[in-house]
PDB file of N, CA and C in Angstrom:
ATOM      1  N   MET A   1     -36.998 -18.150  30.729  1.00  0.00           N
ATOM      2  CA  MET A   1     -38.159 -17.712  31.953  1.00  0.00           C
ATOM      3  C   MET A   1     -38.671 -18.762  32.316  1.00  0.00           C
ATOM      4  N   SER A   2     -39.009 -18.594  33.761  1.00  0.00           N
ATOM      5  CA  SER A   2     -39.861 -19.303  34.563  1.00  0.00           C
ATOM      6  C   SER A   2     -40.970 -19.037  35.285  1.00  0.00           C
ATOM      7  N   ALA A   3     -41.698 -19.573  35.539  1.00  0.00           N
ATOM      8  CA  ALA A   3     -43.342 -19.272  36.096  1.00  0.00           C
ATOM      9  C   ALA A   3     -43.843 -20.239  37.090  1.00  0.00           C
ATOM     10  N   LEU A   4     -44.234 -19.588  38.529  1.00  0.00           N
ATOM     11  CA  LEU A   4     -44.806 -20.768  39.453  1.00  0.00           C
ATOM     12  C   LEU A   4     -46.253 -20.791  38.683  1.00  0.00           C
ATOM     13  N   VAL A   5     -46.864 -22.293  38.676  1.00  0.00           N
ATOM     14  CA  VAL A   5     -47.730 -22.491  38.749  1.00  0.00           C
ATOM     15  C   VAL A   5     -48.422 -23.409  40.160  1.00  0.00           C
ATOM     16  N   PRO A   6     -50.529 -23.448  39.882  1.00  0.00           N
ATOM     17  CA  PRO A   6     -50.585 -24.214  41.171  1.00  0.00           C
ATOM     18  C   PRO A   6     -49.939 -25.197  41.235  1.00  0.00           C
ATOM     19  N   GLY A   7     -49.988 -25.975  42.401  1.00  0.00           N
ATOM     20  CA  GLY A   7     -49.643 -26.559  42.285  1.00  0.00           C
ATOM     21  C   GLY A   7     -47.965 -27.079  43.054  1.00  0.00           C
ATOM     22  N   GLY A   8     -47.263 -25.956  43.425  1.00  0.00           N
ATOM     23  CA  GLY A   8     -45.810 -25.987  43.890  1.00  0.00           C
ATOM     24  C   GLY A   8     -44.775 -25.984  42.478  1.00  0.00           C
ATOM     25  N   ALA A   9     -45.521 -26.289  41.048  1.00  0.00           N
ATOM     26  CA  ALA A   9     -44.665 -26.655  40.080  1.00  0.00           C
ATOM     27  C   ALA A   9     -44.034 -25.542  39.136  1.00  0.00           C
ATOM     28  N   LEU A  10     -43.240 -25.371  38.537  1.00  0.00           N
ATOM     29  CA  LEU A  10     -42.428 -23.959  37.876  1.00  0.00           C
ATOM     30  C   LEU A  10     -42.340 -24.841  36.581  1.00  0.00           C
ATOM     31  N   ALA A  11     -42.570 -23.833  36.266  1.00  0.00           N
ATOM     32  CA  ALA A  11     -42.759 -23.817  34.527  1.00  0.00           C
ATOM     33  C   ALA A  11     -41.240 -22.906  33.818  1.00  0.00           C
ATOM     34  N   SER A  12     -41.004 -23.702  32.675  1.00  0.00           N
ATOM     35  CA  SER A  12     -39.667 -23.051  31.968  1.00  0.00           C
ATOM     36  C   SER A  12     -40.128 -23.464  30.721  1.00  0.00           C
ATOM     37  N   ASN A  13     -39.495 -22.540  30.095  1.00  0.00           N
ATOM     38  CA  ASN A  13     -39.810 -22.727  28.569  1.00  0.00           C
ATOM     39  C   ASN A  13     -38.143 -23.123  28.073  1.00  0.00           C
ATOM     40  N   VAL A  14     -38.040 -23.735  27.211  1.00  0.00           N
ATOM     41  CA  VAL A  14     -37.414 -24.478  26.927  1.00  0.00           C
ATOM     42  C   VAL A  14     -37.155 -24.861  25.465  1.00  0.00           C
ATOM     43  N   GLU A  15     -36.054 -24.577  24.762  1.00  0.00           N
ATOM     44  CA  GLU A  15     -35.867 -25.338  23.244  1.00  0.00           C
ATOM     45  C   GLU A  15     -35.194 -26.643  23.515  1.00  0.00           C
ATOM     46  N   VAL A  16     -35.898 -27.531  22.654  1.00  0.00           N
ATOM     47  CA  VAL A  16     -35.333 -29.224  22.651  1.00  0.00           C
ATOM     48  C   VAL A  16     -35.396 -29.662  21.248  1.00  0.00           C
ATOM     49  N   THR A  17     -34.520 -30.961  21.479  1.00  0.00           N
ATOM     50  CA  THR A  17     -33.989 -31.568  20.039  1.00  0.00           C
ATOM     51  C   THR A  17     -34.459 -33.323  20.339  1.00  0.00           C
ATOM     52  N   ALA A  18     -34.227 -33.906  19.321  1.00  0.00           N
ATOM     53  CA  ALA A  18     -34.462 -34.935  20.012  1.00  0.00           C
ATOM     54  C   ALA A  18     -33.318 -35.759  21.098  1.00  0.00           C
ATOM     55  N   ALA A  19     -32.678 -35.394  20.922  1.00  0.00           N
ATOM     56  CA  ALA A  19     -31.441 -35.599  22.173  1.00  0.00           C
ATOM     57  C   ALA A  19     -31.770 -34.890  23.758  1.00  0.00           C
ATOM     58  N   THR A  20     -32.634 -34.197  23.944  1.00  0.00           N
ATOM     59  CA  THR A  20     -32.904 -33.244  24.694  1.00  0.00           C
ATOM     60  C   THR A  20     -34.160 -33.683  25.178  1.00  0.00           C
ATOM     61  N   VAL A  21     -35.170 -33.842  24.320  1.00  0.00           N
ATOM     62  CA  VAL A  21     -36.933 -33.600  24.815  1.00  0.00           C
ATOM     63  C   VAL A  21     -37.065 -34.825  26.090  1.00  0.00           C
ATOM     64  N   ARG A  22     -38.001 -34.832  26.821  1.00  0.00           N
ATOM     65  CA  ARG A  22     -37.934 -35.446  27.995  1.00  0.00           C
ATOM     66  C   ARG A  22     -39.654 -35.910  27.691  1.00  0.00           C
ATOM     67  N   ARG A  23     -39.887 -36.916  28.518  1.00  0.00           N
ATOM     68  CA  ARG A  23     -41.342 -36.976  28.846  1.00  0.00           C
ATOM     69  C   ARG A  23     -42.056 -36.041  29.730  1.00  0.00           C
ATOM     70  N   GLY A  24     -43.374 -35.340  29.552  1.00  0.00           N
ATOM     71  CA  GLY A  24     -43.814 -34.712  29.911  1.00  0.00           C
ATOM     72  C   GLY A  24     -43.865 -33.178  29.888  1.00  0.00           C
ATOM     73  N   ASP A  25     -42.475 -32.911  28.665  1.00  0.00           N
ATOM     74  CA  ASP A  25     -42.737 -31.697  27.805  1.00  0.00           C
ATOM     75  C   ASP A  25     -43.941 -31.615  27.079  1.00  0.00           C
ATOM     76  N   ILE A  26     -44.368 -30.344  27.168  1.00  0.00           N
ATOM     77  CA  ILE A  26     -45.876 -29.518  26.567  1.00  0.00           C
ATOM     78  C   ILE A  26     -45.221 -29.014  25.415  1.00  0.00           C
ATOM     79  N   ILE A  27     -45.430 -29.254  23.961  1.00  0.00           N
ATOM     80  CA  ILE A  27     -44.736 -28.844  23.012  1.00  0.00           C
ATOM     81  C   ILE A  27     -45.902 -28.708  22.021  1.00  0.00           C
ATOM     82  N   GLN A  28     -45.945 -27.259  21.409  1.00  0.00           N
ATOM     83  CA  GLN A  28     -46.800 -26.549  20.813  1.00  0.00           C
ATOM     84  C   GLN A  28     -46.637 -26.719  19.305  1.00  0.00           C
ATOM     85  N   VAL A  29     -47.662 -27.785  18.407  1.00  0.00           N
ATOM     86  CA  VAL A  29     -47.644 -28.037  16.949  1.00  0.00           C
ATOM     87  C   VAL A  29     -48.623 -27.372  16.470  1.00  0.00           C
ATOM     88  N   GLY A  30     -48.782 -26.167  15.544  1.00  0.00           N
ATOM     89  CA  GLY A  30     -50.127 -26.078  15.022  1.00  0.00           C
ATOM     90  C   GLY A  30     -50.645 -25.195  15.749  1.00  0.00           C
ATOM     91  N   GLY A  31     -50.198 -24.587  16.496  1.00  0.00           N
ATOM     92  CA  GLY A  31     -51.186 -24.122  17.303  1.00  0.00           C
ATOM     93  C   GLY A  31     -52.022 -24.533  18.818  1.00  0.00           C
ATOM     94  N   ARG A  32     -51.633 -26.034  18.507  1.00  0.00           N
ATOM     95  CA  ARG A  32     -52.348 -26.955  19.632  1.00  0.00           C
ATOM     96  C   ARG A  32     -51.112 -27.259  20.647  1.00  0.00           C
ATOM     97  N   ALA A  33     -51.283 -27.771  21.902  1.00  0.00           N
ATOM     98  CA  ALA A  33     -50.647 -27.998  22.647  1.00  0.00           C
ATOM     99  C   ALA A  33     -50.484 -29.772  23.090  1.00  0.00           C
ATOM    100  N   PHE A  34     -49.135 -29.987  22.950  1.00  0.00           N
ATOM    101  CA  PHE A  34     -49.671 -31.709  23.236  1.00  0.00           C
ATOM    102  C   PHE A  34     -48.078 -32.192  24.106  1.00  0.00           C
ATOM    103  N   ARG A  35     -48.474 -32.861  25.059  1.00  0.00           N
ATOM    104  CA  ARG A  35     -47.833 -33.493  26.333  1.00  0.00           C
ATOM    105  C   ARG A  35     -47.137 -34.860  25.510  1.00  0.00           C
ATOM    106  N   VAL A  36     -45.493 -34.646  25.834  1.00  0.00           N
ATOM    107  CA  VAL A  36     -45.060 -35.742  26.052  1.00  0.00           C
ATOM    108  C   VAL A  36     -45.418 -36.852  26.667  1.00  0.00           C
ATOM    109  N   GLY A  37     -45.808 -38.207  25.851  1.00  0.00           N
ATOM    110  CA  GLY A  37     -46.408 -39.298  26.757  1.00  0.00           C
ATOM    111  C   GLY A  37     -44.901 -40.520  26.935  1.00  0.00           C
ATOM    112  N   ASN A  38     -44.541 -40.593  25.566  1.00  0.00           N
ATOM    113  CA  ASN A  38     -43.624 -41.400  25.689  1.00  0.00           C
ATOM    114  C   ASN A  38     -42.528 -41.107  24.577  1.00  0.00           C
ATOM    115  N   LEU A  39     -41.360 -41.880  24.648  1.00  0.00           N
ATOM    116  CA  LEU A  39     -40.152 -41.475  23.203  1.00  0.00           C
ATOM    117  C   LEU A  39     -39.712 -42.676  23.169  1.00  0.00           C
ATOM    118  N   PHE A  40     -39.816 -42.885  21.559  1.00  0.00           N
ATOM    119  CA  PHE A  40     -38.814 -44.252  20.896  1.00  0.00           C
ATOM    120  C   PHE A  40     -37.508 -43.678  20.110  1.00  0.00           C
ATOM    121  N   GLN A  41     -36.235 -43.974  20.377  1.00  0.00           N
ATOM    122  CA  GLN A  41     -35.232 -43.881  19.444  1.00  0.00           C
ATOM    123  C   GLN A  41     -34.948 -44.715  18.458  1.00  0.00           C
ATOM    124  N   LEU A  42     -35.156 -44.252  17.107  1.00  0.00           N
ATOM    125  CA  LEU A  42     -35.254 -43.888  16.050  1.00  0.00           C
ATOM    126  C   LEU A  42     -33.387 -44.128  15.602  1.00  0.00           C
ATOM    127  N   SER A  43     -33.430 -44.908  14.091  1.00  0.00           N
ATOM    128  CA  SER A  43     -32.169 -44.651  13.835  1.00  0.00           C
ATOM    129  C   SER A  43     -31.556 -43.135  13.117  1.00  0.00           C
ATOM    130  N   ASN A  44     -30.626 -43.097  13.395  1.00  0.00           N
ATOM    131  CA  ASN A  44     -29.952 -41.780  12.760  1.00  0.00           C
ATOM    132  C   ASN A  44     -30.209 -40.850  13.446  1.00  0.00           C
ATOM    133  N   GLU A  45     -30.432 -41.141  14.736  1.00  0.00           N
ATOM    134  CA  GLU A  45     -30.319 -40.065  15.975  1.00  0.00           C
ATOM    135  C   GLU A  45     -31.747 -39.209  15.902  1.00  0.00           C
ATOM    136  N   ALA A  46     -32.957 -39.732  15.529  1.00  0.00           N
ATOM    137  CA  ALA A  46     -33.996 -39.617  15.189  1.00  0.00           C
ATOM    138  C   ALA A  46     -34.777 -40.073  16.830  1.00  0.00           C
ATOM    139  N   GLU A  47     -35.974 -39.556  16.885  1.00  0.00           N
ATOM    140  CA  GLU A  47     -36.474 -39.631  17.814  1.00  0.00           C
ATOM    141  C   GLU A  47     -38.375 -39.354  17.369  1.00  0.00           C
ATOM    142  N   GLN A  48     -39.021 -40.520  17.923  1.00  0.00           N
ATOM    143  CA  GLN A  48     -40.838 -40.791  17.546  1.00  0.00           C
ATOM    144  C   GLN A  48     -41.216 -40.191  18.868  1.00  0.00           C
ATOM    145  N   LEU A  49     -42.044 -39.254  19.109  1.00  0.00           N
ATOM    146  CA  LEU A  49     -42.905 -38.808  20.106  1.00  0.00           C
ATOM    147  C   LEU A  49     -43.780 -38.903  19.803  1.00  0.00           C
ATOM    148  N   LEU A  50     -44.583 -39.902  20.903  1.00  0.00           N
ATOM    149  CA  LEU A  50     -45.899 -40.067  20.997  1.00  0.00           C
ATOM    150  C   LEU A  50     -46.747 -39.306  22.852  1.00  0.00           C
ATOM    151  N   PHE A  51     -47.455 -38.605  22.123  1.00  0.00           N
ATOM    152  CA  PHE A  51     -48.061 -37.807  22.838  1.00  0.00           C
ATOM    153  C   PHE A  51     -49.164 -38.633  23.494  1.00  0.00           C
ATOM    154  N   GLU A  52     -49.207 -38.180  24.707  1.00  0.00           N
ATOM    155  CA  GLU A  52     -50.320 -38.614  25.587  1.00  0.00           C
ATOM    156  C   GLU A  52     -52.294 -38.337  24.341  1.00  0.00           C
ATOM    157  N   SER A  53     -52.211 -37.930  24.091  1.00  0.00           N
ATOM    158  CA  SER A  53     -53.787 -37.685  23.551  1.00  0.00           C
ATOM    159  C   SER A  53     -53.533 -38.574  21.877  1.00  0.00           C
ATOM    160  N   GLY A  54     -52.513 -39.223  21.842  1.00  0.00           N
ATOM    161  CA  GLY A  54     -52.245 -40.391  20.740  1.00  0.00           C
ATOM    162  C   GLY A  54     -51.595 -40.213  19.781  1.00  0.00           C
ATOM    163  N   GLU A  55     -51.615 -38.859  18.998  1.00  0.00           N
ATOM    164  CA  GLU A  55     -50.754 -38.655  18.020  1.00  0.00           C
ATOM    165  C   GLU A  55     -49.298 -38.591  17.885  1.00  0.00           C
ATOM    166  N   LEU A  56     -48.174 -38.759  17.091  1.00  0.00           N
ATOM    167  CA  LEU A  56     -47.109 -39.029  16.830  1.00  0.00           C
ATOM    168  C   LEU A  56     -46.529 -37.948  16.120  1.00  0.00           C
ATOM    169  N   LEU A  57     -44.983 -37.763  16.744  1.00  0.00           N
ATOM    170  CA  LEU A  57     -44.247 -36.671  15.846  1.00  0.00           C
ATOM    171  C   LEU A  57     -42.918 -37.263  15.781  1.00  0.00           C
ATOM    172  N   THR A  58     -42.112 -37.323  14.721  1.00  0.00           N
ATOM    173  CA  THR A  58     -41.187 -37.831  14.320  1.00  0.00           C
ATOM    174  C   THR A  58     -40.216 -36.810  14.442  1.00  0.00           C
ATOM    175  N   ILE A  59     -39.037 -36.824  14.930  1.00  0.00           N
ATOM    176  CA  ILE A  59     -38.342 -35.529  14.723  1.00  0.00           C
ATOM    177  C   ILE A  59     -36.620 -36.097  14.750  1.00  0.00           C
ATOM    178  N   HIS A  60     -36.079 -35.436  13.839  1.00  0.00           N
ATOM    179  CA  HIS A  60     -34.533 -35.817  13.998  1.00  0.00           C
ATOM    180  C   HIS A  60     -33.561 -34.774  14.591  1.00  0.00           C
ATOM    181  N   ALA A  61     -32.277 -35.285  14.532  1.00  0.00           N
ATOM    182  CA  ALA A  61     -31.237 -34.506  15.372  1.00  0.00           C
ATOM    183  C   ALA A  61     -31.196 -33.088  15.179  1.00  0.00           C
ATOM    184  N   ARG A  62     -31.502 -32.434  14.267  1.00  0.00           N
ATOM    185  CA  ARG A  62     -31.316 -31.196  13.793  1.00  0.00           C
ATOM    186  C   ARG A  62     -32.815 -30.479  14.065  1.00  0.00           C
ATOM    187  N   THR A  63     -33.960 -31.022  14.318  1.00  0.00           N
ATOM    188  CA  THR A  63     -35.009 -30.048  15.256  1.00  0.00           C
ATOM    189  C   THR A  63     -35.022 -29.698  15.570  1.00  0.00           C
ATOM    190  N   ARG A  64     -35.560 -28.386  15.616  1.00  0.00           N
ATOM    191  CA  ARG A  64     -35.785 -27.661  17.216  1.00  0.00           C
ATOM    192  C   ARG A  64     -36.757 -27.210  17.718  1.00  0.00           C
ATOM    193  N   LEU A  65     -37.576 -27.696  18.792  1.00  0.00           N
ATOM    194  CA  LEU A  65     -38.900 -27.122  19.106  1.00  0.00           C
ATOM    195  C   LEU A  65     -39.055 -26.197  20.255  1.00  0.00           C
ATOM    196  N   ALA A  66     -39.868 -25.141  20.745  1.00  0.00           N
ATOM    197  CA  ALA A  66     -40.013 -24.733  21.699  1.00  0.00           C
ATOM    198  C   ALA A  66     -40.653 -25.801  22.525  1.00  0.00           C
ATOM    199  N   ALA A  67     -40.493 -25.983  23.978  1.00  0.00           N
ATOM    200  CA  ALA A  67     -41.343 -26.424  24.988  1.00  0.00           C
ATOM    201  C   ALA A  67     -41.647 -26.007  26.130  1.00  0.00           C
ATOM    202  N   VAL A  68     -42.701 -26.331  26.925  1.00  0.00           N
ATOM    203  CA  VAL A  68     -42.523 -25.889  28.395  1.00  0.00           C
ATOM    204  C   VAL A  68     -42.271 -26.678  29.030  1.00  0.00           C
ATOM    205  N   ARG A  69     -41.012 -27.113  29.772  1.00  0.00           N
ATOM    206  CA  ARG A  69     -41.106 -28.408  31.063  1.00  0.00           C
ATOM    207  C   ARG A  69     -41.295 -27.718  32.336  1.00  0.00           C
ATOM    208  N   MET A  70     -42.121 -28.858  33.275  1.00  0.00           N
ATOM    209  CA  MET A  70     -42.591 -28.514  34.409  1.00  0.00           C
ATOM    210  C   MET A  70     -41.383 -29.146  35.252  1.00  0.00           C
ATOM    211  N   LEU A  71     -40.824 -28.286  36.124  1.00  0.00           N
ATOM    212  CA  LEU A  71     -40.061 -28.696  37.403  1.00  0.00           C
ATOM    213  C   LEU A  71     -40.776 -28.485  38.644  1.00  0.00           C
ATOM    214  N   ARG A  72     -40.331 -29.702  39.165  1.00  0.00           N
ATOM    215  CA  ARG A  72     -41.043 -29.793  40.935  1.00  0.00           C
ATOM    216  C   ARG A  72     -39.805 -28.646  41.766  1.00  0.00           C
ATOM    217  N   ARG A  73     -40.479 -27.933  42.548  1.00  0.00           N
ATOM    218  CA  ARG A  73     -39.991 -27.291  43.768  1.00  0.00           C
ATOM    219  C   ARG A  73     -39.760 -28.365  44.574  1.00  0.00           C
ATOM    220  N   ARG A  74     -38.402 -28.206  45.675  1.00  0.00           N
ATOM    221  CA  ARG A  74     -37.976 -29.125  46.530  1.00  0.00           C
ATOM    222  C   ARG A  74     -38.203 -28.358  47.713  1.00  0.00           C
TER     223      ARG A  74
END
């Protein structure tokens, strides 16, 4: 499902893994929404996510998370 948000962006719900997560994705963890600020590749196909608020989350190759991805309209 996609929805228009103010500013001409398109918000889309996506499922992300360590291989598909991107900077800017908004991931809900423990009832709070966190925006991914940076990513660090770890061994064994794992990724460490650094959220804009300073928290870290490490996910492995089989972790699946629901996220909102903002897409710009062209």
